Amino acid sequence: MKNRKKETKIVILGSYNSGKTTTLENICEKMTRVEYNGTTISLDYGNIEVNGKKVHIFTTPGQERFKFMREILSQGLDGAIVVIDSSQGLTSTDKNIIHRLNSNNVPYVIFANKQDIGTEDVDYDGITDVPIIPTVARDGEGVWNGLNLLLDLLDS
C-alpha cells in the first residue's frame, strides 16, 4: 500500500454545464470561484482534510475555448474526477479529457452526473477499467463515495 503524500491535488474536469462546480460545492464548505455571469471562466478551488491529509480540489471551465486552463490546472495533478452529464452522454470534450488522462496514466473516476433528470444510454466508448459512479451533484448523491474511491485508488 503506497502512502499518499501529505497533500493531494485533484482536478474536476468535464464539459460545460456537466456539474463540476456543484460537485465541488458538495465536497468543500468554503471555496473560491472565478466566474462571469454564473459560469466558471478560469477555475474553482476548495480544499478539505481527509485522514489528516490536505486535498486541494480544482475545477476547470468546460467550454472548449478554455482548454488552455484545463491544461494549466492539470499540471502536477495526482488524480481526477471526470463529470459527465449523463442526460447528454459523452461529448468530444469529455473524450479528449479522458484520452489525455489515459495517455498520462492519471488515476481518475467518472461521475455519471444528473441521474435525476433521466439518462441517455451512455456509451462510454470502451472505458471498462475506470470506476463510473452515478451521481446527482445537486443533492450530493454519490459525490463523497466517488471522492473516497478516487482517494483509495491514489493510495493503492
N, C-alpha and C. Protein backbone atom coordinates (compact mmCIF):
# COMPACT_ATOMS: atom_id res chain seq x y z
N MET A 1 0.84 -1.18 0.00
CA MET A 1 0.00 0.00 0.00
C MET A 1 0.88 1.24 0.00
N LYS A 2 0.73 2.05 -1.02
CA LYS A 2 1.50 3.28 -1.17
C LYS A 2 0.97 4.33 -0.19
N ASN A 3 1.86 5.07 0.42
CA ASN A 3 1.44 6.11 1.35
C ASN A 3 1.29 7.43 0.60
N ARG A 4 0.09 7.98 0.62
CA ARG A 4 -0.17 9.22 -0.07
C ARG A 4 0.61 10.35 0.59
N LYS A 5 1.17 11.25 -0.21
CA LYS A 5 1.89 12.39 0.34
C LYS A 5 0.93 13.24 1.16
N LYS A 6 1.47 14.19 1.92
CA LYS A 6 0.65 14.97 2.84
C LYS A 6 -0.37 15.85 2.15
N GLU A 7 -0.14 16.19 0.89
CA GLU A 7 -1.09 17.00 0.14
C GLU A 7 -1.34 16.35 -1.21
N THR A 8 -2.60 16.40 -1.64
CA THR A 8 -3.01 15.77 -2.88
C THR A 8 -3.73 16.80 -3.73
N LYS A 9 -3.47 16.78 -5.03
CA LYS A 9 -4.15 17.68 -5.97
C LYS A 9 -5.07 16.86 -6.87
N ILE A 10 -6.35 17.23 -6.81
CA ILE A 10 -7.37 16.60 -7.65
C ILE A 10 -7.98 17.68 -8.53
N VAL A 11 -8.19 17.36 -9.79
CA VAL A 11 -8.83 18.29 -10.71
C VAL A 11 -10.14 17.66 -11.19
N ILE A 12 -11.21 18.44 -11.11
CA ILE A 12 -12.52 18.02 -11.60
C ILE A 12 -12.66 18.58 -13.02
N LEU A 13 -12.84 17.67 -13.97
CA LEU A 13 -12.90 18.02 -15.39
C LEU A 13 -14.22 17.58 -15.99
N GLY A 14 -14.58 18.18 -17.10
CA GLY A 14 -15.79 17.78 -17.80
C GLY A 14 -16.28 18.88 -18.72
N SER A 15 -17.31 18.57 -19.47
CA SER A 15 -17.89 19.52 -20.42
C SER A 15 -18.64 20.63 -19.69
N TYR A 16 -18.97 21.66 -20.44
CA TYR A 16 -19.74 22.79 -19.95
C TYR A 16 -21.07 22.30 -19.36
N ASN A 17 -21.40 22.78 -18.18
CA ASN A 17 -22.68 22.53 -17.52
C ASN A 17 -22.89 21.06 -17.14
N SER A 18 -21.80 20.33 -16.90
CA SER A 18 -21.95 18.92 -16.51
C SER A 18 -22.14 18.76 -15.00
N GLY A 19 -21.77 19.80 -14.22
CA GLY A 19 -21.95 19.73 -12.77
C GLY A 19 -20.65 19.77 -11.98
N LYS A 20 -19.59 20.29 -12.58
CA LYS A 20 -18.28 20.32 -11.92
C LYS A 20 -18.29 21.20 -10.67
N THR A 21 -18.77 22.43 -10.81
CA THR A 21 -18.80 23.35 -9.67
C THR A 21 -19.73 22.83 -8.58
N THR A 22 -20.87 22.31 -8.97
CA THR A 22 -21.82 21.77 -7.99
C THR A 22 -21.21 20.59 -7.24
N THR A 23 -20.44 19.78 -7.95
CA THR A 23 -19.73 18.68 -7.30
C THR A 23 -18.78 19.23 -6.24
N LEU A 24 -17.99 20.23 -6.60
CA LEU A 24 -17.05 20.83 -5.64
C LEU A 24 -17.78 21.44 -4.45
N GLU A 25 -18.91 22.08 -4.70
CA GLU A 25 -19.68 22.69 -3.61
C GLU A 25 -20.14 21.64 -2.61
N ASN A 26 -20.36 20.41 -3.05
CA ASN A 26 -20.78 19.34 -2.15
C ASN A 26 -19.62 18.68 -1.43
N ILE A 27 -18.40 19.00 -1.82
CA ILE A 27 -17.22 18.44 -1.16
C ILE A 27 -16.62 19.44 -0.18
N CYS A 28 -16.55 20.70 -0.57
CA CYS A 28 -15.87 21.72 0.23
C CYS A 28 -16.87 22.73 0.78
N GLU A 29 -16.76 23.01 2.07
CA GLU A 29 -17.63 24.01 2.68
C GLU A 29 -17.32 25.41 2.16
N LYS A 30 -16.04 25.70 2.02
CA LYS A 30 -15.61 27.01 1.53
C LYS A 30 -14.83 26.81 0.24
N MET A 31 -15.13 27.65 -0.74
CA MET A 31 -14.42 27.55 -1.99
C MET A 31 -14.28 28.93 -2.62
N THR A 32 -13.34 29.03 -3.53
CA THR A 32 -13.11 30.24 -4.29
C THR A 32 -13.58 29.98 -5.70
N ARG A 33 -14.30 30.95 -6.26
CA ARG A 33 -14.84 30.76 -7.60
C ARG A 33 -14.51 31.97 -8.45
N VAL A 34 -14.00 31.74 -9.64
CA VAL A 34 -13.75 32.82 -10.61
C VAL A 34 -14.79 32.62 -11.71
N GLU A 35 -15.78 33.53 -11.75
CA GLU A 35 -16.90 33.36 -12.67
C GLU A 35 -17.28 34.66 -13.35
N TYR A 36 -18.05 34.52 -14.40
CA TYR A 36 -18.64 35.65 -15.09
C TYR A 36 -20.05 35.23 -15.50
N ASN A 37 -21.04 35.97 -15.07
CA ASN A 37 -22.45 35.64 -15.35
C ASN A 37 -22.79 34.21 -14.94
N GLY A 38 -22.27 33.77 -13.79
CA GLY A 38 -22.60 32.45 -13.27
C GLY A 38 -21.85 31.29 -13.89
N THR A 39 -20.90 31.56 -14.77
CA THR A 39 -20.14 30.49 -15.43
C THR A 39 -18.68 30.59 -15.03
N THR A 40 -18.10 29.45 -14.67
CA THR A 40 -16.68 29.42 -14.34
C THR A 40 -15.88 29.82 -15.57
N ILE A 41 -14.97 30.79 -15.38
CA ILE A 41 -14.16 31.23 -16.52
C ILE A 41 -12.68 30.89 -16.36
N SER A 42 -12.26 30.52 -15.18
CA SER A 42 -10.87 30.07 -15.07
C SER A 42 -10.76 28.89 -14.12
N LEU A 43 -11.29 28.99 -12.93
CA LEU A 43 -11.20 27.86 -12.01
C LEU A 43 -12.11 28.07 -10.82
N ASP A 44 -12.41 26.98 -10.14
CA ASP A 44 -12.98 26.97 -8.80
C ASP A 44 -11.96 26.22 -7.96
N TYR A 45 -11.89 26.56 -6.68
CA TYR A 45 -10.91 25.90 -5.82
C TYR A 45 -11.49 25.73 -4.42
N GLY A 46 -11.21 24.58 -3.85
CA GLY A 46 -11.54 24.33 -2.46
C GLY A 46 -10.55 23.32 -1.92
N ASN A 47 -10.51 23.18 -0.61
CA ASN A 47 -9.66 22.14 -0.03
C ASN A 47 -10.35 21.55 1.18
N ILE A 48 -9.98 20.33 1.47
CA ILE A 48 -10.52 19.60 2.62
C ILE A 48 -9.39 18.79 3.23
N GLU A 49 -9.65 18.30 4.42
CA GLU A 49 -8.70 17.38 5.04
C GLU A 49 -9.37 16.02 5.16
N VAL A 50 -8.68 15.01 4.67
CA VAL A 50 -9.18 13.64 4.72
C VAL A 50 -8.11 12.78 5.36
N ASN A 51 -8.43 12.15 6.47
CA ASN A 51 -7.48 11.30 7.20
C ASN A 51 -6.17 12.02 7.47
N GLY A 52 -6.24 13.27 7.89
CA GLY A 52 -5.06 14.04 8.25
C GLY A 52 -4.25 14.56 7.08
N LYS A 53 -4.76 14.40 5.86
CA LYS A 53 -4.04 14.86 4.67
C LYS A 53 -4.87 15.91 3.95
N LYS A 54 -4.21 16.95 3.50
CA LYS A 54 -4.90 18.03 2.80
C LYS A 54 -5.12 17.66 1.33
N VAL A 55 -6.34 17.87 0.87
CA VAL A 55 -6.70 17.58 -0.51
C VAL A 55 -7.12 18.90 -1.15
N HIS A 56 -6.38 19.32 -2.17
CA HIS A 56 -6.68 20.52 -2.94
C HIS A 56 -7.50 20.09 -4.15
N ILE A 57 -8.64 20.75 -4.37
CA ILE A 57 -9.51 20.35 -5.48
C ILE A 57 -9.80 21.57 -6.35
N PHE A 58 -9.55 21.42 -7.62
CA PHE A 58 -9.78 22.48 -8.61
C PHE A 58 -10.82 22.01 -9.61
N THR A 59 -11.64 22.92 -10.10
CA THR A 59 -12.47 22.61 -11.26
C THR A 59 -12.02 23.51 -12.41
N THR A 60 -12.25 23.05 -13.58
CA THR A 60 -11.86 23.80 -14.78
C THR A 60 -13.12 24.20 -15.54
N PRO A 61 -13.03 25.23 -16.37
CA PRO A 61 -14.16 25.56 -17.22
C PRO A 61 -14.38 24.46 -18.27
N GLY A 62 -15.63 24.27 -18.67
CA GLY A 62 -15.92 23.21 -19.61
C GLY A 62 -15.93 23.62 -21.07
N GLN A 63 -16.02 24.93 -21.32
CA GLN A 63 -16.06 25.36 -22.71
C GLN A 63 -14.72 25.07 -23.39
N GLU A 64 -14.80 24.70 -24.64
CA GLU A 64 -13.59 24.32 -25.39
C GLU A 64 -12.60 25.47 -25.49
N ARG A 65 -13.09 26.70 -25.51
CA ARG A 65 -12.18 27.85 -25.63
C ARG A 65 -11.29 28.01 -24.39
N PHE A 66 -11.64 27.33 -23.29
CA PHE A 66 -10.83 27.39 -22.08
C PHE A 66 -9.98 26.13 -21.90
N LYS A 67 -9.73 25.42 -22.99
CA LYS A 67 -8.91 24.21 -22.94
C LYS A 67 -7.54 24.50 -22.31
N PHE A 68 -6.99 25.67 -22.59
CA PHE A 68 -5.69 26.04 -22.02
C PHE A 68 -5.73 26.05 -20.50
N MET A 69 -6.87 26.41 -19.89
CA MET A 69 -6.97 26.41 -18.43
C MET A 69 -6.97 24.98 -17.90
N ARG A 70 -7.63 24.05 -18.62
CA ARG A 70 -7.59 22.64 -18.21
C ARG A 70 -6.16 22.15 -18.20
N GLU A 71 -5.39 22.53 -19.22
CA GLU A 71 -4.01 22.08 -19.31
C GLU A 71 -3.16 22.67 -18.18
N ILE A 72 -3.35 23.94 -17.89
CA ILE A 72 -2.59 24.59 -16.80
C ILE A 72 -2.92 23.96 -15.46
N LEU A 73 -4.22 23.83 -15.16
CA LEU A 73 -4.64 23.30 -13.86
C LEU A 73 -4.32 21.82 -13.71
N SER A 74 -4.15 21.11 -14.82
CA SER A 74 -3.87 19.68 -14.74
C SER A 74 -2.40 19.37 -14.49
N GLN A 75 -1.55 20.37 -14.54
CA GLN A 75 -0.13 20.13 -14.28
C GLN A 75 0.05 19.73 -12.81
N GLY A 76 0.73 18.62 -12.60
CA GLY A 76 1.04 18.17 -11.25
C GLY A 76 -0.13 17.55 -10.50
N LEU A 77 -1.20 17.20 -11.22
CA LEU A 77 -2.33 16.61 -10.51
C LEU A 77 -2.01 15.17 -10.12
N ASP A 78 -2.63 14.74 -9.03
CA ASP A 78 -2.47 13.36 -8.56
C ASP A 78 -3.59 12.47 -9.06
N GLY A 79 -4.77 13.05 -9.25
CA GLY A 79 -5.92 12.29 -9.69
C GLY A 79 -6.98 13.24 -10.23
N ALA A 80 -7.99 12.67 -10.87
CA ALA A 80 -9.03 13.49 -11.49
C ALA A 80 -10.40 12.86 -11.33
N ILE A 81 -11.39 13.74 -11.36
CA ILE A 81 -12.79 13.34 -11.43
C ILE A 81 -13.30 13.91 -12.75
N VAL A 82 -13.85 13.05 -13.60
CA VAL A 82 -14.44 13.50 -14.86
C VAL A 82 -15.95 13.45 -14.67
N VAL A 83 -16.58 14.63 -14.74
CA VAL A 83 -18.02 14.72 -14.55
C VAL A 83 -18.69 14.71 -15.93
N ILE A 84 -19.52 13.69 -16.14
CA ILE A 84 -20.25 13.52 -17.40
C ILE A 84 -21.71 13.87 -17.14
N ASP A 85 -22.30 14.67 -18.00
CA ASP A 85 -23.74 14.91 -17.94
C ASP A 85 -24.40 13.70 -18.58
N SER A 86 -24.90 12.80 -17.75
CA SER A 86 -25.41 11.53 -18.30
C SER A 86 -26.73 11.73 -19.04
N SER A 87 -27.34 12.92 -18.95
CA SER A 87 -28.52 13.17 -19.77
C SER A 87 -28.11 13.55 -21.20
N GLN A 88 -26.82 13.87 -21.40
CA GLN A 88 -26.31 14.25 -22.72
C GLN A 88 -25.39 13.19 -23.33
N GLY A 89 -24.73 12.42 -22.48
CA GLY A 89 -23.77 11.44 -22.98
C GLY A 89 -22.38 12.05 -23.10
N LEU A 90 -21.44 11.24 -23.55
CA LEU A 90 -20.06 11.70 -23.71
C LEU A 90 -19.96 12.71 -24.84
N THR A 91 -19.32 13.84 -24.54
CA THR A 91 -19.09 14.85 -25.57
C THR A 91 -17.68 14.69 -26.11
N SER A 92 -17.36 15.41 -27.17
CA SER A 92 -15.99 15.36 -27.69
C SER A 92 -15.02 15.91 -26.65
N THR A 93 -15.43 16.92 -25.88
CA THR A 93 -14.57 17.45 -24.80
C THR A 93 -14.29 16.36 -23.78
N ASP A 94 -15.33 15.63 -23.36
CA ASP A 94 -15.15 14.53 -22.40
C ASP A 94 -14.17 13.49 -22.95
N LYS A 95 -14.35 13.13 -24.22
CA LYS A 95 -13.47 12.12 -24.84
C LYS A 95 -12.02 12.61 -24.87
N ASN A 96 -11.83 13.88 -25.19
CA ASN A 96 -10.47 14.44 -25.19
C ASN A 96 -9.85 14.44 -23.80
N ILE A 97 -10.63 14.78 -22.79
CA ILE A 97 -10.14 14.77 -21.41
C ILE A 97 -9.73 13.36 -21.00
N ILE A 98 -10.60 12.39 -21.28
CA ILE A 98 -10.32 11.01 -20.91
C ILE A 98 -9.09 10.49 -21.64
N HIS A 99 -8.98 10.81 -22.92
CA HIS A 99 -7.80 10.39 -23.69
C HIS A 99 -6.52 10.95 -23.06
N ARG A 100 -6.56 12.22 -22.71
CA ARG A 100 -5.38 12.87 -22.11
C ARG A 100 -5.01 12.24 -20.76
N LEU A 101 -6.02 11.96 -19.93
CA LEU A 101 -5.76 11.31 -18.64
C LEU A 101 -5.15 9.93 -18.85
N ASN A 102 -5.72 9.16 -19.78
CA ASN A 102 -5.19 7.82 -20.07
C ASN A 102 -3.76 7.90 -20.60
N SER A 103 -3.50 8.84 -21.49
CA SER A 103 -2.15 9.00 -22.07
C SER A 103 -1.10 9.34 -21.02
N ASN A 104 -1.54 10.06 -19.98
CA ASN A 104 -0.61 10.47 -18.92
C ASN A 104 -0.67 9.57 -17.69
N ASN A 105 -1.38 8.45 -17.79
CA ASN A 105 -1.51 7.48 -16.68
C ASN A 105 -1.98 8.14 -15.39
N VAL A 106 -2.96 9.02 -15.49
CA VAL A 106 -3.51 9.70 -14.30
C VAL A 106 -4.69 8.88 -13.78
N PRO A 107 -4.68 8.51 -12.49
CA PRO A 107 -5.85 7.82 -11.93
C PRO A 107 -7.06 8.75 -11.93
N TYR A 108 -8.22 8.20 -12.32
CA TYR A 108 -9.43 9.02 -12.31
C TYR A 108 -10.66 8.15 -12.14
N VAL A 109 -11.75 8.81 -11.78
CA VAL A 109 -13.06 8.19 -11.72
C VAL A 109 -13.99 9.05 -12.57
N ILE A 110 -15.08 8.45 -13.00
CA ILE A 110 -16.09 9.17 -13.78
C ILE A 110 -17.33 9.31 -12.92
N PHE A 111 -17.84 10.53 -12.81
CA PHE A 111 -19.12 10.78 -12.17
C PHE A 111 -20.16 10.87 -13.27
N ALA A 112 -21.06 9.91 -13.36
CA ALA A 112 -22.17 9.95 -14.31
C ALA A 112 -23.25 10.79 -13.65
N ASN A 113 -23.17 12.10 -13.84
CA ASN A 113 -23.99 13.06 -13.11
C ASN A 113 -25.37 13.25 -13.74
N LYS A 114 -26.23 13.89 -12.99
CA LYS A 114 -27.60 14.24 -13.39
C LYS A 114 -28.46 13.00 -13.58
N GLN A 115 -28.25 12.03 -12.70
CA GLN A 115 -29.05 10.80 -12.75
C GLN A 115 -30.53 11.07 -12.47
N ASP A 116 -30.83 12.22 -11.89
CA ASP A 116 -32.20 12.54 -11.51
C ASP A 116 -33.05 13.08 -12.66
N ILE A 117 -32.44 13.44 -13.78
CA ILE A 117 -33.24 14.04 -14.86
C ILE A 117 -33.35 13.14 -16.08
N GLY A 118 -33.12 11.88 -15.88
CA GLY A 118 -33.21 10.95 -17.00
C GLY A 118 -31.87 10.82 -17.68
N THR A 119 -31.51 9.63 -18.01
CA THR A 119 -30.19 9.42 -18.57
C THR A 119 -30.29 8.78 -19.94
N GLU A 120 -29.36 9.18 -20.76
CA GLU A 120 -29.18 8.51 -22.05
C GLU A 120 -28.53 7.16 -21.75
N ASP A 121 -28.61 6.26 -22.69
CA ASP A 121 -27.84 5.03 -22.58
C ASP A 121 -26.42 5.39 -23.01
N VAL A 122 -25.64 5.87 -22.05
CA VAL A 122 -24.33 6.44 -22.35
C VAL A 122 -23.37 5.35 -22.81
N ASP A 123 -22.77 5.58 -23.97
CA ASP A 123 -21.74 4.69 -24.48
C ASP A 123 -20.41 5.25 -23.99
N TYR A 124 -19.77 4.55 -23.08
CA TYR A 124 -18.51 5.02 -22.52
C TYR A 124 -17.32 4.66 -23.39
N ASP A 125 -17.59 4.37 -24.64
CA ASP A 125 -16.55 4.26 -25.66
C ASP A 125 -15.42 3.32 -25.26
N GLY A 126 -15.78 2.16 -24.73
CA GLY A 126 -14.77 1.16 -24.40
C GLY A 126 -14.09 1.37 -23.05
N ILE A 127 -14.54 2.33 -22.27
CA ILE A 127 -13.94 2.56 -20.95
C ILE A 127 -14.48 1.48 -20.01
N THR A 128 -13.59 0.57 -19.61
CA THR A 128 -14.04 -0.54 -18.77
C THR A 128 -13.28 -0.63 -17.45
N ASP A 129 -12.11 -0.04 -17.39
CA ASP A 129 -11.29 -0.21 -16.20
C ASP A 129 -11.31 1.02 -15.30
N VAL A 130 -12.26 1.92 -15.49
CA VAL A 130 -12.37 3.13 -14.69
C VAL A 130 -13.70 3.09 -13.95
N PRO A 131 -13.68 3.33 -12.63
CA PRO A 131 -14.94 3.34 -11.89
C PRO A 131 -15.87 4.44 -12.40
N ILE A 132 -17.15 4.08 -12.60
CA ILE A 132 -18.18 5.03 -13.01
C ILE A 132 -19.20 5.09 -11.88
N ILE A 133 -19.31 6.27 -11.27
CA ILE A 133 -20.16 6.46 -10.11
C ILE A 133 -21.39 7.28 -10.51
N PRO A 134 -22.59 6.74 -10.35
CA PRO A 134 -23.79 7.53 -10.62
C PRO A 134 -23.90 8.64 -9.56
N THR A 135 -24.11 9.88 -10.00
CA THR A 135 -24.21 11.00 -9.06
C THR A 135 -25.37 11.92 -9.41
N VAL A 136 -25.82 12.61 -8.37
CA VAL A 136 -26.70 13.76 -8.51
C VAL A 136 -26.02 14.84 -7.70
N ALA A 137 -25.12 15.57 -8.34
CA ALA A 137 -24.28 16.55 -7.63
C ALA A 137 -25.13 17.58 -6.91
N ARG A 138 -26.24 17.97 -7.49
CA ARG A 138 -27.11 18.97 -6.88
C ARG A 138 -27.56 18.56 -5.48
N ASP A 139 -27.75 17.26 -5.28
CA ASP A 139 -28.17 16.74 -3.97
C ASP A 139 -27.01 16.10 -3.21
N GLY A 140 -25.84 16.05 -3.81
CA GLY A 140 -24.68 15.43 -3.17
C GLY A 140 -24.65 13.92 -3.27
N GLU A 141 -25.61 13.33 -3.98
CA GLU A 141 -25.68 11.86 -4.07
C GLU A 141 -24.49 11.30 -4.83
N GLY A 142 -23.78 10.38 -4.20
CA GLY A 142 -22.67 9.68 -4.84
C GLY A 142 -21.35 10.43 -4.84
N VAL A 143 -21.38 11.73 -4.53
CA VAL A 143 -20.18 12.56 -4.64
C VAL A 143 -19.09 12.10 -3.67
N TRP A 144 -19.44 11.92 -2.39
CA TRP A 144 -18.42 11.51 -1.41
C TRP A 144 -17.95 10.09 -1.67
N ASN A 145 -18.86 9.21 -2.10
CA ASN A 145 -18.45 7.84 -2.43
C ASN A 145 -17.41 7.86 -3.54
N GLY A 146 -17.65 8.68 -4.56
CA GLY A 146 -16.71 8.77 -5.67
C GLY A 146 -15.38 9.37 -5.27
N LEU A 147 -15.42 10.42 -4.44
CA LEU A 147 -14.17 11.03 -3.98
C LEU A 147 -13.36 10.04 -3.16
N ASN A 148 -14.02 9.34 -2.24
CA ASN A 148 -13.30 8.35 -1.43
C ASN A 148 -12.74 7.22 -2.27
N LEU A 149 -13.45 6.83 -3.31
CA LEU A 149 -12.96 5.79 -4.21
C LEU A 149 -11.69 6.26 -4.93
N LEU A 150 -11.71 7.52 -5.39
CA LEU A 150 -10.52 8.08 -6.03
C LEU A 150 -9.35 8.14 -5.06
N LEU A 151 -9.59 8.60 -3.85
CA LEU A 151 -8.51 8.68 -2.85
C LEU A 151 -7.95 7.28 -2.55
N ASP A 152 -8.81 6.27 -2.52
CA ASP A 152 -8.34 4.89 -2.34
C ASP A 152 -7.48 4.45 -3.51
N LEU A 153 -7.88 4.82 -4.74
CA LEU A 153 -7.05 4.50 -5.92
C LEU A 153 -5.67 5.13 -5.81
N LEU A 154 -5.62 6.37 -5.30
CA LEU A 154 -4.35 7.07 -5.17
C LEU A 154 -3.47 6.42 -4.10
N ASP A 155 -4.09 5.80 -3.11
CA ASP A 155 -3.34 5.15 -2.03
C ASP A 155 -2.81 3.77 -2.43
N SER A 156 -3.44 3.15 -3.45
CA SER A 156 -3.05 1.76 -3.76
C SER A 156 -1.87 1.69 -4.70
